[in-house]
Every structure is written in structure tokens, then in C-alpha cells.
């Protein structure tokens, strides 16, 4: 069995600003784009932990912002 630490991942984000990781070198699924962060699973998850500060989808955040105005 391969060592998980050797696998490289890339951070991806969708139109709702939801983050995930994807195996580096594989085609990114439709609706997702890379953000330029590539590394170990742990380093990619650490990046997401810092970047994704609001877990609500973008559409919900915008709707709630509009209701508050």
C-alpha cells in the first residue's frame, strides 16, 4: 500500500466558494477550479482551514446579506 504522505493534492473551489482537495495531475471536475495550492493532503487541508472561513455557500451569504439590508 502506498504511503499517503507521498500523494500530492491540489486545492479546488467551486462557484459557491466551497473548497475541497483533488489528486494533483487529475482533471478537475466540471464546476471546480484550482486555486494554486498544491502539496500534501495535510498542507492542502491546512490551507483550506485558513481560507474557508465561512462555511455557508456564496448564494446563501449573498441572500442573507440582502435580507439584512
PDB file of N, CA and C in Angstrom:
ATOM      1  N   UNK A   1       0.849  -1.183   0.000  1.00  0.00           N
ATOM      2  CA  UNK A   1       0.000   0.000   0.000  1.00  0.00           C
ATOM      3  C   UNK A   1       0.888   1.238   0.000  1.00  0.00           C
ATOM      4  N   UNK A   2       0.533   2.225  -0.829  1.00  0.00           N
ATOM      5  CA  UNK A   2       1.346   3.426  -0.944  1.00  0.00           C
ATOM      6  C   UNK A   2       1.205   4.310   0.286  1.00  0.00           C
ATOM      7  N   UNK A   3       2.254   5.062   0.558  1.00  0.00           N
ATOM      8  CA  UNK A   3       2.262   5.981   1.680  1.00  0.00           C
ATOM      9  C   UNK A   3       1.438   7.215   1.327  1.00  0.00           C
ATOM     10  N   UNK A   4       0.437   7.535   2.141  1.00  0.00           N
ATOM     11  CA  UNK A   4      -0.424   8.695   1.891  1.00  0.00           C
ATOM     12  C   UNK A   4       0.368   9.995   1.843  1.00  0.00           C
ATOM     13  N   UNK A   5       1.455  10.098   2.592  1.00  0.00           N
ATOM     14  CA  UNK A   5       2.244  11.328   2.632  1.00  0.00           C
ATOM     15  C   UNK A   5       2.879  11.640   1.281  1.00  0.00           C
ATOM     16  N   UNK A   6       3.046  10.641   0.424  1.00  0.00           N
ATOM     17  CA  UNK A   6       3.674  10.857  -0.870  1.00  0.00           C
ATOM     18  C   UNK A   6       2.699  11.397  -1.916  1.00  0.00           C
ATOM     19  N   UNK A   7       1.416  11.258  -1.698  1.00  0.00           N
ATOM     20  CA  UNK A   7       0.420  11.736  -2.658  1.00  0.00           C
ATOM     21  C   UNK A   7       0.381  13.258  -2.645  1.00  0.00           C
ATOM     22  N   UNK A   8       0.228  13.838  -3.819  1.00  0.00           N
ATOM     23  CA  UNK A   8       0.101  15.285  -3.953  1.00  0.00           C
ATOM     24  C   UNK A   8      -1.345  15.623  -4.304  1.00  0.00           C
ATOM     25  N   UNK A   9      -1.808  16.703  -3.728  1.00  0.00           N
ATOM     26  CA  UNK A   9      -3.170  17.159  -3.954  1.00  0.00           C
ATOM     27  C   UNK A   9      -3.138  18.620  -4.365  1.00  0.00           C
ATOM     28  N   UNK A  10      -4.241  19.068  -4.952  1.00  0.00           N
ATOM     29  CA  UNK A  10      -4.412  20.475  -5.262  1.00  0.00           C
ATOM     30  C   UNK A  10      -5.717  20.934  -4.623  1.00  0.00           C
ATOM     31  N   UNK A  11      -5.735  22.181  -4.174  1.00  0.00           N
ATOM     32  CA  UNK A  11      -6.949  22.743  -3.589  1.00  0.00           C
ATOM     33  C   UNK A  11      -7.821  23.260  -4.725  1.00  0.00           C
ATOM     34  N   UNK A  12      -9.096  22.932  -4.660  1.00  0.00           N
ATOM     35  CA  UNK A  12     -10.055  23.386  -5.661  1.00  0.00           C
ATOM     36  C   UNK A  12     -11.204  24.113  -4.960  1.00  0.00           C
ATOM     37  N   UNK A  13     -11.872  24.973  -5.713  1.00  0.00           N
ATOM     38  CA  UNK A  13     -13.010  25.732  -5.188  1.00  0.00           C
ATOM     39  C   UNK A  13     -14.087  25.769  -6.266  1.00  0.00           C
ATOM     40  N   UNK A  14     -15.344  25.789  -5.845  1.00  0.00           N
ATOM     41  CA  UNK A  14     -16.439  25.855  -6.816  1.00  0.00           C
ATOM     42  C   UNK A  14     -17.064  27.245  -6.822  1.00  0.00           C
ATOM     43  N   UNK A  15     -18.109  27.424  -7.632  1.00  0.00           N
ATOM     44  CA  UNK A  15     -18.738  28.737  -7.775  1.00  0.00           C
ATOM     45  C   UNK A  15     -19.422  29.207  -6.495  1.00  0.00           C
ATOM     46  N   UNK A  16     -19.667  28.317  -5.569  1.00  0.00           N
ATOM     47  CA  UNK A  16     -20.258  28.676  -4.276  1.00  0.00           C
ATOM     48  C   UNK A  16     -19.180  28.950  -3.225  1.00  0.00           C
ATOM     49  N   UNK A  17     -17.922  28.983  -3.664  1.00  0.00           N
ATOM     50  CA  UNK A  17     -16.762  29.216  -2.799  1.00  0.00           C
ATOM     51  C   UNK A  17     -16.630  28.146  -1.724  1.00  0.00           C
ATOM     52  N   UNK A  18     -16.950  26.908  -2.096  1.00  0.00           N
ATOM     53  CA  UNK A  18     -16.743  25.752  -1.237  1.00  0.00           C
ATOM     54  C   UNK A  18     -15.444  25.088  -1.674  1.00  0.00           C
ATOM     55  N   UNK A  19     -14.599  24.748  -0.719  1.00  0.00           N
ATOM     56  CA  UNK A  19     -13.271  24.214  -1.004  1.00  0.00           C
ATOM     57  C   UNK A  19     -13.229  22.701  -0.856  1.00  0.00           C
ATOM     58  N   UNK A  20     -12.285  22.102  -1.559  1.00  0.00           N
ATOM     59  CA  UNK A  20     -12.027  20.672  -1.451  1.00  0.00           C
ATOM     60  C   UNK A  20     -10.599  20.412  -1.927  1.00  0.00           C
ATOM     61  N   UNK A  21     -10.176  19.160  -1.830  1.00  0.00           N
ATOM     62  CA  UNK A  21      -8.883  18.774  -2.394  1.00  0.00           C
ATOM     63  C   UNK A  21      -9.134  17.762  -3.492  1.00  0.00           C
ATOM     64  N   UNK A  22      -8.194  17.716  -4.437  1.00  0.00           N
ATOM     65  CA  UNK A  22      -8.315  16.814  -5.575  1.00  0.00           C
ATOM     66  C   UNK A  22      -6.922  16.283  -5.882  1.00  0.00           C
ATOM     67  N   UNK A  23      -6.806  15.029  -6.275  1.00  0.00           N
ATOM     68  CA  UNK A  23      -5.481  14.487  -6.595  1.00  0.00           C
ATOM     69  C   UNK A  23      -4.792  15.323  -7.682  1.00  0.00           C
ATOM     70  N   UNK A  24      -3.587  15.761  -7.401  1.00  0.00           N
ATOM     71  CA  UNK A  24      -2.818  16.545  -8.370  1.00  0.00           C
ATOM     72  C   UNK A  24      -2.584  15.705  -9.615  1.00  0.00           C
ATOM     73  N   UNK A  25      -2.635  16.335 -10.760  1.00  0.00           N
ATOM     74  CA  UNK A  25      -2.406  15.637 -12.011  1.00  0.00           C
ATOM     75  C   UNK A  25      -3.655  15.062 -12.642  1.00  0.00           C
ATOM     76  N   UNK A  26      -4.756  15.041 -11.907  1.00  0.00           N
ATOM     77  CA  UNK A  26      -6.019  14.567 -12.476  1.00  0.00           C
ATOM     78  C   UNK A  26      -6.850  15.763 -12.922  1.00  0.00           C
ATOM     79  N   UNK A  27      -7.661  15.567 -13.931  1.00  0.00           N
ATOM     80  CA  UNK A  27      -8.534  16.634 -14.411  1.00  0.00           C
ATOM     81  C   UNK A  27      -9.491  17.052 -13.303  1.00  0.00           C
ATOM     82  N   UNK A  28      -9.637  18.356 -13.147  1.00  0.00           N
ATOM     83  CA  UNK A  28     -10.541  18.893 -12.130  1.00  0.00           C
ATOM     84  C   UNK A  28     -11.976  18.743 -12.640  1.00  0.00           C
ATOM     85  N   UNK A  29     -12.901  18.309 -11.783  1.00  0.00           N
ATOM     86  CA  UNK A  29     -14.288  18.123 -12.219  1.00  0.00           C
ATOM     87  C   UNK A  29     -14.921  19.437 -12.694  1.00  0.00           C
ATOM     88  N   UNK A  30     -15.909  19.322 -13.566  1.00  0.00           N
ATOM     89  CA  UNK A  30     -16.647  20.498 -14.019  1.00  0.00           C
ATOM     90  C   UNK A  30     -17.217  21.247 -12.822  1.00  0.00           C
ATOM     91  N   UNK A  31     -17.155  22.560 -12.879  1.00  0.00           N
ATOM     92  CA  UNK A  31     -17.684  23.387 -11.802  1.00  0.00           C
ATOM     93  C   UNK A  31     -16.663  23.716 -10.731  1.00  0.00           C
ATOM     94  N   UNK A  32     -15.476  23.175 -10.841  1.00  0.00           N
ATOM     95  CA  UNK A  32     -14.410  23.421  -9.874  1.00  0.00           C
ATOM     96  C   UNK A  32     -13.214  24.020 -10.598  1.00  0.00           C
ATOM     97  N   UNK A  33     -12.421  24.811  -9.871  1.00  0.00           N
ATOM     98  CA  UNK A  33     -11.186  25.375 -10.419  1.00  0.00           C
ATOM     99  C   UNK A  33     -10.102  25.296  -9.352  1.00  0.00           C
ATOM    100  N   UNK A  34      -8.869  25.238  -9.795  1.00  0.00           N
ATOM    101  CA  UNK A  34      -7.755  25.188  -8.848  1.00  0.00           C
ATOM    102  C   UNK A  34      -7.495  26.585  -8.300  1.00  0.00           C
ATOM    103  N   UNK A  35      -6.899  26.641  -7.117  1.00  0.00           N
ATOM    104  CA  UNK A  35      -6.559  27.928  -6.510  1.00  0.00           C
ATOM    105  C   UNK A  35      -5.049  28.134  -6.424  1.00  0.00           C
ATOM    106  N   UNK A  36      -4.280  27.184  -6.931  1.00  0.00           N
ATOM    107  CA  UNK A  36      -2.829  27.331  -6.961  1.00  0.00           C
ATOM    108  C   UNK A  36      -2.087  26.705  -5.799  1.00  0.00           C
ATOM    109  N   UNK A  37      -2.790  26.051  -4.907  1.00  0.00           N
ATOM    110  CA  UNK A  37      -2.160  25.398  -3.754  1.00  0.00           C
ATOM    111  C   UNK A  37      -2.027  23.910  -4.045  1.00  0.00           C
ATOM    112  N   UNK A  38      -0.800  23.420  -4.112  1.00  0.00           N
ATOM    113  CA  UNK A  38      -0.527  22.003  -4.349  1.00  0.00           C
ATOM    114  C   UNK A  38       0.414  21.525  -3.260  1.00  0.00           C
ATOM    115  N   UNK A  39       0.172  20.337  -2.742  1.00  0.00           N
ATOM    116  CA  UNK A  39       1.056  19.789  -1.721  1.00  0.00           C
ATOM    117  C   UNK A  39       0.479  18.515  -1.134  1.00  0.00           C
ATOM    118  N   UNK A  40       0.949  18.197   0.051  1.00  0.00           N
ATOM    119  CA  UNK A  40       0.454  17.010   0.745  1.00  0.00           C
ATOM    120  C   UNK A  40      -1.001  17.236   1.151  1.00  0.00           C
ATOM    121  N   UNK A  41      -1.663  16.166   1.504  1.00  0.00           N
ATOM    122  CA  UNK A  41      -3.047  16.275   1.961  1.00  0.00           C
ATOM    123  C   UNK A  41      -3.127  17.208   3.163  1.00  0.00           C
ATOM    124  N   UNK A  42      -2.209  17.050   4.093  1.00  0.00           N
ATOM    125  CA  UNK A  42      -2.216  17.870   5.304  1.00  0.00           C
ATOM    126  C   UNK A  42      -2.014  19.348   4.989  1.00  0.00           C
ATOM    127  N   UNK A  43      -1.085  19.667   4.088  1.00  0.00           N
ATOM    128  CA  UNK A  43      -0.838  21.079   3.778  1.00  0.00           C
ATOM    129  C   UNK A  43      -2.017  21.689   3.028  1.00  0.00           C
ATOM    130  N   UNK A  44      -2.652  20.925   2.164  1.00  0.00           N
ATOM    131  CA  UNK A  44      -3.825  21.431   1.446  1.00  0.00           C
ATOM    132  C   UNK A  44      -4.995  21.644   2.402  1.00  0.00           C
ATOM    133  N   UNK A  45      -5.198  20.727   3.323  1.00  0.00           N
ATOM    134  CA  UNK A  45      -6.272  20.892   4.300  1.00  0.00           C
ATOM    135  C   UNK A  45      -5.998  22.066   5.231  1.00  0.00           C
ATOM    136  N   UNK A  46      -4.735  22.301   5.573  1.00  0.00           N
ATOM    137  CA  UNK A  46      -4.381  23.465   6.394  1.00  0.00           C
ATOM    138  C   UNK A  46      -4.684  24.757   5.637  1.00  0.00           C
ATOM    139  N   UNK A  47      -4.389  24.793   4.343  1.00  0.00           N
ATOM    140  CA  UNK A  47      -4.704  25.958   3.521  1.00  0.00           C
ATOM    141  C   UNK A  47      -6.210  26.211   3.524  1.00  0.00           C
ATOM    142  N   UNK A  48      -6.991  25.155   3.320  1.00  0.00           N
ATOM    143  CA  UNK A  48      -8.449  25.295   3.308  1.00  0.00           C
ATOM    144  C   UNK A  48      -8.946  25.796   4.653  1.00  0.00           C
ATOM    145  N   UNK A  49      -8.382  25.296   5.725  1.00  0.00           N
ATOM    146  CA  UNK A  49      -8.787  25.710   7.065  1.00  0.00           C
ATOM    147  C   UNK A  49      -8.614  27.212   7.256  1.00  0.00           C
ATOM    148  N   UNK A  50      -7.576  27.791   6.668  1.00  0.00           N
ATOM    149  CA  UNK A  50      -7.346  29.233   6.782  1.00  0.00           C
ATOM    150  C   UNK A  50      -8.181  30.024   5.778  1.00  0.00           C
ATOM    151  N   UNK A  51      -8.357  29.498   4.578  1.00  0.00           N
ATOM    152  CA  UNK A  51      -9.030  30.246   3.513  1.00  0.00           C
ATOM    153  C   UNK A  51     -10.555  30.194   3.610  1.00  0.00           C
ATOM    154  N   UNK A  52     -11.102  29.071   4.046  1.00  0.00           N
ATOM    155  CA  UNK A  52     -12.552  28.879   4.046  1.00  0.00           C
ATOM    156  C   UNK A  52     -13.093  29.212   5.430  1.00  0.00           C
ATOM    157  N   UNK A  53     -13.314  30.495   5.666  1.00  0.00           N
ATOM    158  CA  UNK A  53     -13.697  30.957   6.996  1.00  0.00           C
ATOM    159  C   UNK A  53     -15.204  30.983   7.218  1.00  0.00           C
ATOM    160  N   UNK A  54     -15.980  30.942   6.153  1.00  0.00           N
ATOM    161  CA  UNK A  54     -17.439  30.942   6.263  1.00  0.00           C
ATOM    162  C   UNK A  54     -17.962  29.748   5.469  1.00  0.00           C
ATOM    163  N   UNK A  55     -18.482  28.765   6.154  1.00  0.00           N
ATOM    164  CA  UNK A  55     -18.883  27.516   5.517  1.00  0.00           C
ATOM    165  C   UNK A  55     -20.173  27.633   4.701  1.00  0.00           C
ATOM    166  N   UNK A  56     -20.887  28.739   4.844  1.00  0.00           N
ATOM    167  CA  UNK A  56     -22.127  28.890   4.078  1.00  0.00           C
ATOM    168  C   UNK A  56     -21.809  29.069   2.595  1.00  0.00           C
ATOM    169  N   UNK A  57     -22.608  28.489   1.708  1.00  0.00           N
ATOM    170  CA  UNK A  57     -22.408  28.711   0.276  1.00  0.00           C
ATOM    171  C   UNK A  57     -22.547  30.200  -0.057  1.00  0.00           C
ATOM    172  N   UNK A  58     -21.860  30.647  -1.097  1.00  0.00           N
ATOM    173  CA  UNK A  58     -21.883  32.047  -1.507  1.00  0.00           C
ATOM    174  C   UNK A  58     -23.307  32.543  -1.727  1.00  0.00           C
ATOM    175  N   UNK A  59     -24.147  31.760  -2.391  1.00  0.00           N
ATOM    176  CA  UNK A  59     -25.520  32.200  -2.665  1.00  0.00           C
ATOM    177  C   UNK A  59     -26.297  32.459  -1.373  1.00  0.00           C
ATOM    178  N   UNK A  60     -26.090  31.654  -0.359  1.00  0.00           N
ATOM    179  CA  UNK A  60     -26.761  31.856   0.922  1.00  0.00           C
ATOM    180  C   UNK A  60     -26.229  33.108   1.607  1.00  0.00           C
ATOM    181  N   UNK A  61     -24.928  33.307   1.589  1.00  0.00           N
ATOM    182  CA  UNK A  61     -24.345  34.513   2.203  1.00  0.00           C
ATOM    183  C   UNK A  61     -24.889  35.770   1.540  1.00  0.00           C
ATOM    184  N   UNK A  62     -24.972  35.755   0.215  1.00  0.00           N
ATOM    185  CA  UNK A  62     -25.481  36.917  -0.510  1.00  0.00           C
ATOM    186  C   UNK A  62     -26.954  37.157  -0.198  1.00  0.00           C
ATOM    187  N   UNK A  63     -27.741  36.093  -0.138  1.00  0.00           N
ATOM    188  CA  UNK A  63     -29.166  36.225   0.173  1.00  0.00           C
ATOM    189  C   UNK A  63     -29.354  36.777   1.583  1.00  0.00           C
ATOM    190  N   UNK A  64     -28.592  36.269   2.541  1.00  0.00           N
ATOM    191  CA  UNK A  64     -28.715  36.744   3.913  1.00  0.00           C
ATOM    192  C   UNK A  64     -28.241  38.185   4.042  1.00  0.00           C
ATOM    193  N   UNK A  65     -27.230  38.547   3.284  1.00  0.00           N
ATOM    194  CA  UNK A  65     -26.744  39.928   3.297  1.00  0.00           C
ATOM    195  C   UNK A  65     -27.822  40.861   2.758  1.00  0.00           C
ATOM    196  N   UNK A  66     -28.522  40.438   1.696  1.00  0.00           N
ATOM    197  CA  UNK A  66     -29.599  41.231   1.116  1.00  0.00           C
ATOM    198  C   UNK A  66     -30.777  41.388   2.057  1.00  0.00           C
ATOM    199  N   UNK A  67     -31.083  40.355   2.824  1.00  0.00           N
ATOM    200  CA  UNK A  67     -32.190  40.407   3.780  1.00  0.00           C
ATOM    201  C   UNK A  67     -31.873  41.329   4.942  1.00  0.00           C
ATOM    202  N   UNK A  68     -30.597  41.448   5.288  1.00  0.00           N
ATOM    203  CA  UNK A  68     -30.191  42.285   6.415  1.00  0.00           C
ATOM    204  C   UNK A  68     -30.192  43.766   6.045  1.00  0.00           C
ATOM    205  N   UNK A  69     -30.165  44.071   4.752  1.00  0.00           N
ATOM    206  CA  UNK A  69     -30.091  45.476   4.311  1.00  0.00           C
ATOM    207  C   UNK A  69     -31.423  46.176   4.414  1.00  0.00           C
TER     208      UNK A  69
END
